[in-house]
Amino acid sequence: MGTAPNYLEASCSAISTYSFLKGIRLGLLDKNTYLPTAKKAYQGLLTTFLREKGSGKTDIIQTCASAGLGPAKDLSRTGTINYYLCGKDVGITQNEGKVIGTFILASLEYEALEKIGEQN
């Protein structure tokens, strides 16, 4: 079994936040129940995973470098905890595509809800 410690991961956090926010905007989730949690999750993305660089650019940190299982001929990609924490092709990176996209989607939903709130 892997011995590396677990870590907060940005892409999963971003997709979960996006899902909450979109569900609220579409009326699938009760706004009064879920909006405080969704806003807290979005603020958590900003404070936990975004790092401003001196050049005026921003990095999104702590994203797993690889995701997925198989192929069948590569038995090292098993989906076990050992694979996810210590696999040979798994590591922590920044600005990886799956986090950039989901962070943008979460941000768009957050802004949409803010605009709806201003209109009410």
PDB file of N, CA and C in Angstrom:
ATOM      1  N   MET A   1       0.850  -1.184   0.000  1.00  0.00           N
ATOM      2  CA  MET A   1       0.000   0.000   0.000  1.00  0.00           C
ATOM      3  C   MET A   1       0.890   1.239   0.000  1.00  0.00           C
ATOM      4  N   GLY A   2       0.425   2.294  -0.598  1.00  0.00           N
ATOM      5  CA  GLY A   2       1.185   3.536  -0.683  1.00  0.00           C
ATOM      6  C   GLY A   2       1.397   4.183   0.669  1.00  0.00           C
ATOM      7  N   THR A   3       2.499   4.868   0.805  1.00  0.00           N
ATOM      8  CA  THR A   3       2.805   5.536   2.061  1.00  0.00           C
ATOM      9  C   THR A   3       2.745   7.049   1.945  1.00  0.00           C
ATOM     10  N   ALA A   4       2.566   7.584   0.721  1.00  0.00           N
ATOM     11  CA  ALA A   4       2.489   9.038   0.552  1.00  0.00           C
ATOM     12  C   ALA A   4       1.174   9.538   1.154  1.00  0.00           C
ATOM     13  N   PRO A   5       1.204  10.706   1.772  1.00  0.00           N
ATOM     14  CA  PRO A   5      -0.023  11.224   2.374  1.00  0.00           C
ATOM     15  C   PRO A   5      -1.004  11.699   1.306  1.00  0.00           C
ATOM     16  N   ASN A   6      -2.266  11.689   1.659  1.00  0.00           N
ATOM     17  CA  ASN A   6      -3.282  12.217   0.770  1.00  0.00           C
ATOM     18  C   ASN A   6      -3.154  13.735   0.733  1.00  0.00           C
ATOM     19  N   TYR A   7      -3.831  14.408  -0.194  1.00  0.00           N
ATOM     20  CA  TYR A   7      -3.709  15.854  -0.332  1.00  0.00           C
ATOM     21  C   TYR A   7      -5.004  16.428  -0.889  1.00  0.00           C
ATOM     22  N   LEU A   8      -5.229  17.699  -0.654  1.00  0.00           N
ATOM     23  CA  LEU A   8      -6.347  18.387  -1.279  1.00  0.00           C
ATOM     24  C   LEU A   8      -6.042  18.496  -2.763  1.00  0.00           C
ATOM     25  N   GLU A   9      -7.041  18.242  -3.606  1.00  0.00           N
ATOM     26  CA  GLU A   9      -6.817  18.194  -5.042  1.00  0.00           C
ATOM     27  C   GLU A   9      -7.750  19.176  -5.731  1.00  0.00           C
ATOM     28  N   ALA A  10      -7.208  20.002  -6.619  1.00  0.00           N
ATOM     29  CA  ALA A  10      -7.932  21.137  -7.189  1.00  0.00           C
ATOM     30  C   ALA A  10      -8.999  20.755  -8.203  1.00  0.00           C
ATOM     31  N   SER A  11      -8.743  19.798  -9.087  1.00  0.00           N
ATOM     32  CA  SER A  11      -9.719  19.530 -10.148  1.00  0.00           C
ATOM     33  C   SER A  11     -11.005  18.931  -9.596  1.00  0.00           C
ATOM     34  N   CYS A  12     -10.894  18.031  -8.661  1.00  0.00           N
ATOM     35  CA  CYS A  12     -12.083  17.455  -8.030  1.00  0.00           C
ATOM     36  C   CYS A  12     -12.832  18.527  -7.243  1.00  0.00           C
ATOM     37  N   SER A  13     -12.101  19.374  -6.562  1.00  0.00           N
ATOM     38  CA  SER A  13     -12.731  20.467  -5.811  1.00  0.00           C
ATOM     39  C   SER A  13     -13.457  21.426  -6.747  1.00  0.00           C
ATOM     40  N   ALA A  14     -12.854  21.708  -7.895  1.00  0.00           N
ATOM     41  CA  ALA A  14     -13.470  22.634  -8.852  1.00  0.00           C
ATOM     42  C   ALA A  14     -14.719  22.037  -9.484  1.00  0.00           C
ATOM     43  N   ILE A  15     -14.684  20.764  -9.850  1.00  0.00           N
ATOM     44  CA  ILE A  15     -15.858  20.160 -10.483  1.00  0.00           C
ATOM     45  C   ILE A  15     -16.994  20.018  -9.478  1.00  0.00           C
ATOM     46  N   SER A  16     -16.681  19.727  -8.232  1.00  0.00           N
ATOM     47  CA  SER A  16     -17.724  19.637  -7.207  1.00  0.00           C
ATOM     48  C   SER A  16     -18.365  21.005  -6.972  1.00  0.00           C
ATOM     49  N   THR A  17     -17.535  22.027  -6.903  1.00  0.00           N
ATOM     50  CA  THR A  17     -18.039  23.388  -6.712  1.00  0.00           C
ATOM     51  C   THR A  17     -18.909  23.799  -7.889  1.00  0.00           C
ATOM     52  N   TYR A  18     -18.437  23.547  -9.098  1.00  0.00           N
ATOM     53  CA  TYR A  18     -19.208  23.836 -10.311  1.00  0.00           C
ATOM     54  C   TYR A  18     -20.560  23.134 -10.269  1.00  0.00           C
ATOM     55  N   SER A  19     -20.569  21.876  -9.867  1.00  0.00           N
ATOM     56  CA  SER A  19     -21.814  21.105  -9.833  1.00  0.00           C
ATOM     57  C   SER A  19     -22.818  21.708  -8.857  1.00  0.00           C
ATOM     58  N   PHE A  20     -22.362  22.070  -7.681  1.00  0.00           N
ATOM     59  CA  PHE A  20     -23.244  22.724  -6.714  1.00  0.00           C
ATOM     60  C   PHE A  20     -23.812  24.015  -7.290  1.00  0.00           C
ATOM     61  N   LEU A  21     -22.936  24.860  -7.813  1.00  0.00           N
ATOM     62  CA  LEU A  21     -23.369  26.164  -8.316  1.00  0.00           C
ATOM     63  C   LEU A  21     -24.339  26.035  -9.488  1.00  0.00           C
ATOM     64  N   LYS A  22     -24.056  25.143 -10.423  1.00  0.00           N
ATOM     65  CA  LYS A  22     -24.950  24.967 -11.566  1.00  0.00           C
ATOM     66  C   LYS A  22     -26.278  24.372 -11.119  1.00  0.00           C
ATOM     67  N   GLY A  23     -26.236  23.413 -10.232  1.00  0.00           N
ATOM     68  CA  GLY A  23     -27.467  22.819  -9.710  1.00  0.00           C
ATOM     69  C   GLY A  23     -28.357  23.844  -9.039  1.00  0.00           C
ATOM     70  N   ILE A  24     -27.758  24.771  -8.323  1.00  0.00           N
ATOM     71  CA  ILE A  24     -28.517  25.849  -7.681  1.00  0.00           C
ATOM     72  C   ILE A  24     -29.118  26.766  -8.744  1.00  0.00           C
ATOM     73  N   ARG A  25     -28.298  27.177  -9.715  1.00  0.00           N
ATOM     74  CA  ARG A  25     -28.780  28.096 -10.753  1.00  0.00           C
ATOM     75  C   ARG A  25     -29.929  27.490 -11.552  1.00  0.00           C
ATOM     76  N   LEU A  26     -29.856  26.198 -11.828  1.00  0.00           N
ATOM     77  CA  LEU A  26     -30.905  25.540 -12.596  1.00  0.00           C
ATOM     78  C   LEU A  26     -32.131  25.177 -11.763  1.00  0.00           C
ATOM     79  N   GLY A  27     -32.054  25.389 -10.455  1.00  0.00           N
ATOM     80  CA  GLY A  27     -33.181  25.066  -9.585  1.00  0.00           C
ATOM     81  C   GLY A  27     -33.252  23.600  -9.194  1.00  0.00           C
ATOM     82  N   LEU A  28     -32.209  22.847  -9.472  1.00  0.00           N
ATOM     83  CA  LEU A  28     -32.174  21.436  -9.106  1.00  0.00           C
ATOM     84  C   LEU A  28     -31.815  21.242  -7.635  1.00  0.00           C
ATOM     85  N   LEU A  29     -31.088  22.187  -7.088  1.00  0.00           N
ATOM     86  CA  LEU A  29     -30.729  22.184  -5.668  1.00  0.00           C
ATOM     87  C   LEU A  29     -31.343  23.404  -5.007  1.00  0.00           C
ATOM     88  N   ASP A  30     -31.833  23.227  -3.805  1.00  0.00           N
ATOM     89  CA  ASP A  30     -32.452  24.324  -3.072  1.00  0.00           C
ATOM     90  C   ASP A  30     -31.417  25.397  -2.734  1.00  0.00           C
ATOM     91  N   LYS A  31     -31.688  26.612  -3.198  1.00  0.00           N
ATOM     92  CA  LYS A  31     -30.756  27.726  -3.017  1.00  0.00           C
ATOM     93  C   LYS A  31     -30.485  28.002  -1.539  1.00  0.00           C
ATOM     94  N   ASN A  32     -31.521  28.004  -0.719  1.00  0.00           N
ATOM     95  CA  ASN A  32     -31.345  28.323   0.702  1.00  0.00           C
ATOM     96  C   ASN A  32     -30.515  27.270   1.427  1.00  0.00           C
ATOM     97  N   THR A  33     -30.628  26.044   0.989  1.00  0.00           N
ATOM     98  CA  THR A  33     -29.887  24.954   1.629  1.00  0.00           C
ATOM     99  C   THR A  33     -28.438  24.888   1.158  1.00  0.00           C
ATOM    100  N   TYR A  34     -28.219  25.011  -0.158  1.00  0.00           N
ATOM    101  CA  TYR A  34     -26.907  24.717  -0.731  1.00  0.00           C
ATOM    102  C   TYR A  34     -26.040  25.928  -1.072  1.00  0.00           C
ATOM    103  N   LEU A  35     -26.630  27.104  -1.224  1.00  0.00           N
ATOM    104  CA  LEU A  35     -25.826  28.256  -1.635  1.00  0.00           C
ATOM    105  C   LEU A  35     -24.720  28.610  -0.643  1.00  0.00           C
ATOM    106  N   PRO A  36     -24.975  28.607   0.663  1.00  0.00           N
ATOM    107  CA  PRO A  36     -23.861  28.910   1.580  1.00  0.00           C
ATOM    108  C   PRO A  36     -22.675  27.946   1.422  1.00  0.00           C
ATOM    109  N   THR A  37     -22.960  26.667   1.234  1.00  0.00           N
ATOM    110  CA  THR A  37     -21.897  25.685   1.048  1.00  0.00           C
ATOM    111  C   THR A  37     -21.178  25.913  -0.275  1.00  0.00           C
ATOM    112  N   ALA A  38     -21.940  26.199  -1.337  1.00  0.00           N
ATOM    113  CA  ALA A  38     -21.344  26.422  -2.648  1.00  0.00           C
ATOM    114  C   ALA A  38     -20.451  27.662  -2.639  1.00  0.00           C
ATOM    115  N   LYS A  39     -20.889  28.721  -1.981  1.00  0.00           N
ATOM    116  CA  LYS A  39     -20.062  29.935  -1.893  1.00  0.00           C
ATOM    117  C   LYS A  39     -18.794  29.672  -1.090  1.00  0.00           C
ATOM    118  N   LYS A  40     -18.926  28.909  -0.021  1.00  0.00           N
ATOM    119  CA  LYS A  40     -17.753  28.565   0.786  1.00  0.00           C
ATOM    120  C   LYS A  40     -16.780  27.713  -0.029  1.00  0.00           C
ATOM    121  N   ALA A  41     -17.313  26.803  -0.821  1.00  0.00           N
ATOM    122  CA  ALA A  41     -16.461  25.959  -1.673  1.00  0.00           C
ATOM    123  C   ALA A  41     -15.730  26.812  -2.707  1.00  0.00           C
ATOM    124  N   TYR A  42     -16.430  27.775  -3.302  1.00  0.00           N
ATOM    125  CA  TYR A  42     -15.788  28.623  -4.303  1.00  0.00           C
ATOM    126  C   TYR A  42     -14.680  29.470  -3.668  1.00  0.00           C
ATOM    127  N   GLN A  43     -14.958  30.033  -2.520  1.00  0.00           N
ATOM    128  CA  GLN A  43     -13.925  30.808  -1.822  1.00  0.00           C
ATOM    129  C   GLN A  43     -12.745  29.908  -1.452  1.00  0.00           C
ATOM    130  N   GLY A  44     -13.029  28.654  -1.125  1.00  0.00           N
ATOM    131  CA  GLY A  44     -11.969  27.697  -0.844  1.00  0.00           C
ATOM    132  C   GLY A  44     -11.087  27.443  -2.060  1.00  0.00           C
ATOM    133  N   LEU A  45     -11.702  27.382  -3.244  1.00  0.00           N
ATOM    134  CA  LEU A  45     -10.902  27.242  -4.463  1.00  0.00           C
ATOM    135  C   LEU A  45      -9.935  28.405  -4.594  1.00  0.00           C
ATOM    136  N   LEU A  46     -10.461  29.615  -4.379  1.00  0.00           N
ATOM    137  CA  LEU A  46      -9.633  30.812  -4.538  1.00  0.00           C
ATOM    138  C   LEU A  46      -8.475  30.847  -3.543  1.00  0.00           C
ATOM    139  N   THR A  47      -8.757  30.526  -2.299  1.00  0.00           N
ATOM    140  CA  THR A  47      -7.712  30.653  -1.278  1.00  0.00           C
ATOM    141  C   THR A  47      -6.771  29.449  -1.216  1.00  0.00           C
ATOM    142  N   THR A  48      -7.270  28.269  -1.545  1.00  0.00           N
ATOM    143  CA  THR A  48      -6.459  27.055  -1.421  1.00  0.00           C
ATOM    144  C   THR A  48      -5.627  26.765  -2.655  1.00  0.00           C
ATOM    145  N   PHE A  49      -6.175  27.032  -3.841  1.00  0.00           N
ATOM    146  CA  PHE A  49      -5.549  26.544  -5.061  1.00  0.00           C
ATOM    147  C   PHE A  49      -5.020  27.617  -6.012  1.00  0.00           C
ATOM    148  N   LEU A  50      -5.361  28.858  -5.822  1.00  0.00           N
ATOM    149  CA  LEU A  50      -4.861  29.906  -6.725  1.00  0.00           C
ATOM    150  C   LEU A  50      -3.657  30.598  -6.111  1.00  0.00           C
ATOM    151  N   ARG A  51      -2.616  30.752  -6.895  1.00  0.00           N
ATOM    152  CA  ARG A  51      -1.399  31.434  -6.461  1.00  0.00           C
ATOM    153  C   ARG A  51      -1.016  32.458  -7.518  1.00  0.00           C
ATOM    154  N   GLU A  52      -0.969  33.717  -7.113  1.00  0.00           N
ATOM    155  CA  GLU A  52      -0.557  34.774  -8.034  1.00  0.00           C
ATOM    156  C   GLU A  52       0.957  34.756  -8.165  1.00  0.00           C
ATOM    157  N   LYS A  53       1.400  34.959  -9.406  1.00  0.00           N
ATOM    158  CA  LYS A  53       2.825  35.027  -9.688  1.00  0.00           C
ATOM    159  C   LYS A  53       3.207  36.500  -9.833  1.00  0.00           C
ATOM    160  N   GLY A  54       4.446  36.803  -9.651  1.00  0.00           N
ATOM    161  CA  GLY A  54       4.924  38.172  -9.768  1.00  0.00           C
ATOM    162  C   GLY A  54       4.702  38.777 -11.145  1.00  0.00           C
ATOM    163  N   SER A  55       4.537  37.965 -12.152  1.00  0.00           N
ATOM    164  CA  SER A  55       4.380  38.449 -13.520  1.00  0.00           C
ATOM    165  C   SER A  55       2.943  38.837 -13.854  1.00  0.00           C
ATOM    166  N   GLY A  56       2.057  38.834 -12.859  1.00  0.00           N
ATOM    167  CA  GLY A  56       0.659  39.152 -13.112  1.00  0.00           C
ATOM    168  C   GLY A  56      -0.159  37.949 -13.539  1.00  0.00           C
ATOM    169  N   LYS A  57       0.449  36.785 -13.565  1.00  0.00           N
ATOM    170  CA  LYS A  57      -0.250  35.559 -13.927  1.00  0.00           C
ATOM    171  C   LYS A  57      -0.629  34.800 -12.668  1.00  0.00           C
ATOM    172  N   THR A  58      -1.548  33.862 -12.827  1.00  0.00           N
ATOM    173  CA  THR A  58      -2.021  33.060 -11.705  1.00  0.00           C
ATOM    174  C   THR A  58      -1.869  31.590 -12.038  1.00  0.00           C
ATOM    175  N   ASP A  59      -1.411  30.810 -11.074  1.00  0.00           N
ATOM    176  CA  ASP A  59      -1.328  29.365 -11.194  1.00  0.00           C
ATOM    177  C   ASP A  59      -2.451  28.727 -10.397  1.00  0.00           C
ATOM    178  N   ILE A  60      -2.953  27.603 -10.893  1.00  0.00           N
ATOM    179  CA  ILE A  60      -3.854  26.760 -10.119  1.00  0.00           C
ATOM    180  C   ILE A  60      -3.026  25.544  -9.719  1.00  0.00           C
ATOM    181  N   ILE A  61      -2.825  25.391  -8.439  1.00  0.00           N
ATOM    182  CA  ILE A  61      -1.900  24.377  -7.924  1.00  0.00           C
ATOM    183  C   ILE A  61      -2.642  23.137  -7.433  1.00  0.00           C
ATOM    184  N   GLN A  62      -1.861  22.106  -7.111  1.00  0.00           N
ATOM    185  CA  GLN A  62      -2.311  20.872  -6.470  1.00  0.00           C
ATOM    186  C   GLN A  62      -3.330  20.102  -7.305  1.00  0.00           C
ATOM    187  N   THR A  63      -2.990  19.822  -8.533  1.00  0.00           N
ATOM    188  CA  THR A  63      -3.837  19.010  -9.393  1.00  0.00           C
ATOM    189  C   THR A  63      -3.109  17.717  -9.706  1.00  0.00           C
ATOM    190  N   CYS A  64      -3.844  16.616  -9.695  1.00  0.00           N
ATOM    191  CA  CYS A  64      -3.194  15.361 -10.072  1.00  0.00           C
ATOM    192  C   CYS A  64      -2.830  15.431 -11.545  1.00  0.00           C
ATOM    193  N   ALA A  65      -1.671  14.952 -11.861  1.00  0.00           N
ATOM    194  CA  ALA A  65      -1.144  15.046 -13.225  1.00  0.00           C
ATOM    195  C   ALA A  65      -1.802  14.054 -14.166  1.00  0.00           C
ATOM    196  N   SER A  66      -2.341  12.989 -13.653  1.00  0.00           N
ATOM    197  CA  SER A  66      -2.917  11.956 -14.496  1.00  0.00           C
ATOM    198  C   SER A  66      -4.203  11.468 -13.871  1.00  0.00           C
ATOM    199  N   ALA A  67      -5.087  11.008 -14.706  1.00  0.00           N
ATOM    200  CA  ALA A  67      -6.328  10.414 -14.212  1.00  0.00           C
ATOM    201  C   ALA A  67      -6.728   9.311 -15.167  1.00  0.00           C
ATOM    202  N   GLY A  68      -7.420   8.350 -14.663  1.00  0.00           N
ATOM    203  CA  GLY A  68      -7.901   7.283 -15.516  1.00  0.00           C
ATOM    204  C   GLY A  68      -7.292   5.947 -15.159  1.00  0.00           C
ATOM    205  N   LEU A  69      -7.870   4.931 -15.726  1.00  0.00           N
ATOM    206  CA  LEU A  69      -7.426   3.569 -15.444  1.00  0.00           C
ATOM    207  C   LEU A  69      -7.036   2.870 -16.727  1.00  0.00           C
ATOM    208  N   GLY A  70      -6.333   1.760 -16.546  1.00  0.00           N
ATOM    209  CA  GLY A  70      -5.962   0.953 -17.699  1.00  0.00           C
ATOM    210  C   GLY A  70      -4.904   1.638 -18.543  1.00  0.00           C
ATOM    211  N   PRO A  71      -4.617   1.218 -19.688  1.00  0.00           N
ATOM    212  CA  PRO A  71      -5.311   0.123 -20.363  1.00  0.00           C
ATOM    213  C   PRO A  71      -5.010  -1.224 -19.728  1.00  0.00           C
ATOM    214  N   ALA A  72      -5.726  -2.210 -20.183  1.00  0.00           N
ATOM    215  CA  ALA A  72      -5.600  -3.548 -19.590  1.00  0.00           C
ATOM    216  C   ALA A  72      -4.171  -4.070 -19.610  1.00  0.00           C
ATOM    217  N   LYS A  73      -3.387  -3.664 -20.618  1.00  0.00           N
ATOM    218  CA  LYS A  73      -2.006  -4.152 -20.696  1.00  0.00           C
ATOM    219  C   LYS A  73      -1.085  -3.451 -19.696  1.00  0.00           C
ATOM    220  N   ASP A  74      -1.526  -2.342 -19.080  1.00  0.00           N
ATOM    221  CA  ASP A  74      -0.717  -1.636 -18.074  1.00  0.00           C
ATOM    222  C   ASP A  74      -1.319  -1.889 -16.700  1.00  0.00           C
ATOM    223  N   LEU A  75      -0.889  -2.924 -16.059  1.00  0.00           N
ATOM    224  CA  LEU A  75      -1.473  -3.331 -14.781  1.00  0.00           C
ATOM    225  C   LEU A  75      -1.129  -2.384 -13.635  1.00  0.00           C
ATOM    226  N   SER A  76      -0.283  -1.386 -13.870  1.00  0.00           N
ATOM    227  CA  SER A  76       0.054  -0.452 -12.794  1.00  0.00           C
ATOM    228  C   SER A  76      -1.073   0.565 -12.571  1.00  0.00           C
ATOM    229  N   ARG A  77      -1.962   0.769 -13.538  1.00  0.00           N
ATOM    230  CA  ARG A  77      -3.056   1.754 -13.427  1.00  0.00           C
ATOM    231  C   ARG A  77      -4.310   1.061 -12.912  1.00  0.00           C
ATOM    232  N   THR A  78      -4.258   0.667 -11.654  1.00  0.00           N
ATOM    233  CA  THR A  78      -5.277  -0.205 -11.074  1.00  0.00           C
ATOM    234  C   THR A  78      -6.460   0.525 -10.454  1.00  0.00           C
ATOM    235  N   GLY A  79      -6.317   1.781 -10.114  1.00  0.00           N
ATOM    236  CA  GLY A  79      -7.391   2.494  -9.430  1.00  0.00           C
ATOM    237  C   GLY A  79      -7.374   2.310  -7.925  1.00  0.00           C
ATOM    238  N   THR A  80      -6.366   1.635  -7.421  1.00  0.00           N
ATOM    239  CA  THR A  80      -6.255   1.460  -5.974  1.00  0.00           C
ATOM    240  C   THR A  80      -5.708   2.744  -5.344  1.00  0.00           C
ATOM    241  N   ILE A  81      -5.798   2.824  -4.046  1.00  0.00           N
ATOM    242  CA  ILE A  81      -5.240   3.980  -3.340  1.00  0.00           C
ATOM    243  C   ILE A  81      -3.736   4.076  -3.591  1.00  0.00           C
ATOM    244  N   ASN A  82      -3.087   2.932  -3.687  1.00  0.00           N
ATOM    245  CA  ASN A  82      -1.660   2.922  -3.973  1.00  0.00           C
ATOM    246  C   ASN A  82      -1.373   3.596  -5.317  1.00  0.00           C
ATOM    247  N   TYR A  83      -2.193   3.302  -6.325  1.00  0.00           N
ATOM    248  CA  TYR A  83      -2.005   3.941  -7.635  1.00  0.00           C
ATOM    249  C   TYR A  83      -2.208   5.450  -7.536  1.00  0.00           C
ATOM    250  N   TYR A  84      -3.306   5.880  -6.923  1.00  0.00           N
ATOM    251  CA  TYR A  84      -3.611   7.308  -6.896  1.00  0.00           C
ATOM    252  C   TYR A  84      -2.625   8.129  -6.066  1.00  0.00           C
ATOM    253  N   LEU A  85      -2.044   7.524  -5.068  1.00  0.00           N
ATOM    254  CA  LEU A  85      -1.112   8.276  -4.225  1.00  0.00           C
ATOM    255  C   LEU A  85       0.348   8.072  -4.612  1.00  0.00           C
ATOM    256  N   CYS A  86       0.667   6.943  -5.252  1.00  0.00           N
ATOM    257  CA  CYS A  86       2.076   6.641  -5.504  1.00  0.00           C
ATOM    258  C   CYS A  86       2.356   6.065  -6.888  1.00  0.00           C
ATOM    259  N   GLY A  87       1.401   6.105  -7.792  1.00  0.00           N
ATOM    260  CA  GLY A  87       1.604   5.507  -9.107  1.00  0.00           C
ATOM    261  C   GLY A  87       2.737   6.165  -9.871  1.00  0.00           C
ATOM    262  N   LYS A  88       3.311   5.408 -10.812  1.00  0.00           N
ATOM    263  CA  LYS A  88       4.472   5.908 -11.540  1.00  0.00           C
ATOM    264  C   LYS A  88       4.132   7.086 -12.445  1.00  0.00           C
ATOM    265  N   ASP A  89       2.883   7.209 -12.900  1.00  0.00           N
ATOM    266  CA  ASP A  89       2.501   8.330 -13.761  1.00  0.00           C
ATOM    267  C   ASP A  89       1.619   9.342 -13.042  1.00  0.00           C
ATOM    268  N   VAL A  90       1.532   9.229 -11.747  1.00  0.00           N
ATOM    269  CA  VAL A  90       0.701  10.126 -10.954  1.00  0.00           C
ATOM    270  C   VAL A  90       1.611  11.089 -10.199  1.00  0.00           C
ATOM    271  N   GLY A  91       1.247  12.313 -10.190  1.00  0.00           N
ATOM    272  CA  GLY A  91       1.994  13.307  -9.447  1.00  0.00           C
ATOM    273  C   GLY A  91       1.136  14.552  -9.307  1.00  0.00           C
ATOM    274  N   ILE A  92       1.627  15.489  -8.575  1.00  0.00           N
ATOM    275  CA  ILE A  92       0.915  16.741  -8.370  1.00  0.00           C
ATOM    276  C   ILE A  92       1.538  17.792  -9.271  1.00  0.00           C
ATOM    277  N   THR A  93       0.701  18.508  -9.990  1.00  0.00           N
ATOM    278  CA  THR A  93       1.172  19.513 -10.928  1.00  0.00           C
ATOM    279  C   THR A  93       0.336  20.777 -10.785  1.00  0.00           C
ATOM    280  N   GLN A  94       0.539  21.710 -11.670  1.00  0.00           N
ATOM    281  CA  GLN A  94      -0.259  22.940 -11.665  1.00  0.00           C
ATOM    282  C   GLN A  94      -0.693  23.255 -13.092  1.00  0.00           C
ATOM    283  N   ASN A  95      -1.757  24.030 -13.190  1.00  0.00           N
ATOM    284  CA  ASN A  95      -2.285  24.500 -14.474  1.00  0.00           C
ATOM    285  C   ASN A  95      -2.603  23.369 -15.443  1.00  0.00           C
ATOM    286  N   GLU A  96      -3.063  22.281 -14.936  1.00  0.00           N
ATOM    287  CA  GLU A  96      -3.419  21.127 -15.750  1.00  0.00           C
ATOM    288  C   GLU A  96      -4.806  21.359 -16.349  1.00  0.00           C
ATOM    289  N   GLY A  97      -5.051  20.860 -17.538  1.00  0.00           N
ATOM    290  CA  GLY A  97      -6.268  21.143 -18.283  1.00  0.00           C
ATOM    291  C   GLY A  97      -7.563  20.858 -17.558  1.00  0.00           C
ATOM    292  N   LYS A  98      -7.627  19.745 -16.839  1.00  0.00           N
ATOM    293  CA  LYS A  98      -8.897  19.410 -16.189  1.00  0.00           C
ATOM    294  C   LYS A  98      -9.232  20.360 -15.057  1.00  0.00           C
ATOM    295  N   VAL A  99      -8.260  21.028 -14.477  1.00  0.00           N
ATOM    296  CA  VAL A  99      -8.575  22.001 -13.432  1.00  0.00           C
ATOM    297  C   VAL A  99      -8.870  23.375 -14.022  1.00  0.00           C
ATOM    298  N   ILE A 100      -8.187  23.735 -15.083  1.00  0.00           N
ATOM    299  CA  ILE A 100      -8.451  25.047 -15.693  1.00  0.00           C
ATOM    300  C   ILE A 100      -9.897  25.101 -16.188  1.00  0.00           C
ATOM    301  N   GLY A 101     -10.313  24.071 -16.902  1.00  0.00           N
ATOM    302  CA  GLY A 101     -11.674  24.048 -17.429  1.00  0.00           C
ATOM    303  C   GLY A 101     -12.732  24.064 -16.349  1.00  0.00           C
ATOM    304  N   THR A 102     -12.564  23.234 -15.335  1.00  0.00           N
ATOM    305  CA  THR A 102     -13.587  23.175 -14.287  1.00  0.00           C
ATOM    306  C   THR A 102     -13.575  24.423 -13.417  1.00  0.00           C
ATOM    307  N   PHE A 103     -12.421  25.035 -13.231  1.00  0.00           N
ATOM    308  CA  PHE A 103     -12.386  26.294 -12.485  1.00  0.00           C
ATOM    309  C   PHE A 103     -13.113  27.400 -13.262  1.00  0.00           C
ATOM    310  N   ILE A 104     -12.909  27.456 -14.570  1.00  0.00           N
ATOM    311  CA  ILE A 104     -13.611  28.452 -15.388  1.00  0.00           C
ATOM    312  C   ILE A 104     -15.122  28.226 -15.302  1.00  0.00           C
ATOM    313  N   LEU A 105     -15.560  26.984 -15.425  1.00  0.00           N
ATOM    314  CA  LEU A 105     -16.989  26.691 -15.323  1.00  0.00           C
ATOM    315  C   LEU A 105     -17.550  27.086 -13.958  1.00  0.00           C
ATOM    316  N   ALA A 106     -16.829  26.775 -12.893  1.00  0.00           N
ATOM    317  CA  ALA A 106     -17.279  27.161 -11.552  1.00  0.00           C
ATOM    318  C   ALA A 106     -17.357  28.682 -11.428  1.00  0.00           C
ATOM    319  N   SER A 107     -16.384  29.374 -11.989  1.00  0.00           N
ATOM    320  CA  SER A 107     -16.376  30.836 -11.918  1.00  0.00           C
ATOM    321  C   SER A 107     -17.548  31.440 -12.683  1.00  0.00           C
ATOM    322  N   LEU A 108     -17.867  30.885 -13.842  1.00  0.00           N
ATOM    323  CA  LEU A 108     -19.003  31.373 -14.612  1.00  0.00           C
ATOM    324  C   LEU A 108     -20.316  31.166 -13.862  1.00  0.00           C
ATOM    325  N   GLU A 109     -20.465  30.022 -13.240  1.00  0.00           N
ATOM    326  CA  GLU A 109     -21.677  29.760 -12.457  1.00  0.00           C
ATOM    327  C   GLU A 109     -21.758  30.677 -11.239  1.00  0.00           C
ATOM    328  N   TYR A 110     -20.632  30.899 -10.588  1.00  0.00           N
ATOM    329  CA  TYR A 110     -20.600  31.792  -9.427  1.00  0.00           C
ATOM    330  C   TYR A 110     -21.032  33.203  -9.838  1.00  0.00           C
ATOM    331  N   GLU A 111     -20.481  33.682 -10.942  1.00  0.00           N
ATOM    332  CA  GLU A 111     -20.831  35.022 -11.431  1.00  0.00           C
ATOM    333  C   GLU A 111     -22.300  35.096 -11.842  1.00  0.00           C
ATOM    334  N   ALA A 112     -22.814  34.040 -12.460  1.00  0.00           N
ATOM    335  CA  ALA A 112     -24.224  34.018 -12.861  1.00  0.00           C
ATOM    336  C   ALA A 112     -25.132  34.108 -11.639  1.00  0.00           C
ATOM    337  N   LEU A 113     -24.795  33.376 -10.589  1.00  0.00           N
ATOM    338  CA  LEU A 113     -25.599  33.436  -9.376  1.00  0.00           C
ATOM    339  C   LEU A 113     -25.504  34.799  -8.710  1.00  0.00           C
ATOM    340  N   GLU A 114     -24.334  35.404  -8.762  1.00  0.00           N
ATOM    341  CA  GLU A 114     -24.175  36.753  -8.190  1.00  0.00           C
ATOM    342  C   GLU A 114     -25.077  37.744  -8.931  1.00  0.00           C
ATOM    343  N   LYS A 115     -25.133  37.648 -10.255  1.00  0.00           N
ATOM    344  CA  LYS A 115     -25.975  38.543 -11.052  1.00  0.00           C
ATOM    345  C   LYS A 115     -27.449  38.309 -10.755  1.00  0.00           C
ATOM    346  N   ILE A 116     -27.837  37.045 -10.629  1.00  0.00           N
ATOM    347  CA  ILE A 116     -29.225  36.731 -10.295  1.00  0.00           C
ATOM    348  C   ILE A 116     -29.568  37.319  -8.933  1.00  0.00           C
ATOM    349  N   GLY A 117     -28.638  37.195  -7.980  1.00  0.00           N
ATOM    350  CA  GLY A 117     -28.857  37.748  -6.640  1.00  0.00           C
ATOM    351  C   GLY A 117     -29.011  39.255  -6.648  1.00  0.00           C
ATOM    352  N   GLU A 118     -28.267  39.929  -7.509  1.00  0.00           N
ATOM    353  CA  GLU A 118     -28.367  41.385  -7.621  1.00  0.00           C
ATOM    354  C   GLU A 118     -29.703  41.821  -8.218  1.00  0.00           C
ATOM    355  N   GLN A 119     -30.292  40.993  -9.071  1.00  0.00           N
ATOM    356  CA  GLN A 119     -31.559  41.326  -9.708  1.00  0.00           C
ATOM    357  C   GLN A 119     -32.745  41.107  -8.783  1.00  0.00           C
ATOM    358  N   ASN A 120     -32.574  40.292  -7.760  1.00  0.00           N
ATOM    359  CA  ASN A 120     -33.683  39.994  -6.832  1.00  0.00           C
ATOM    360  C   ASN A 120     -33.752  40.980  -5.707  1.00  0.00           C
TER     361      ASN A 120
END
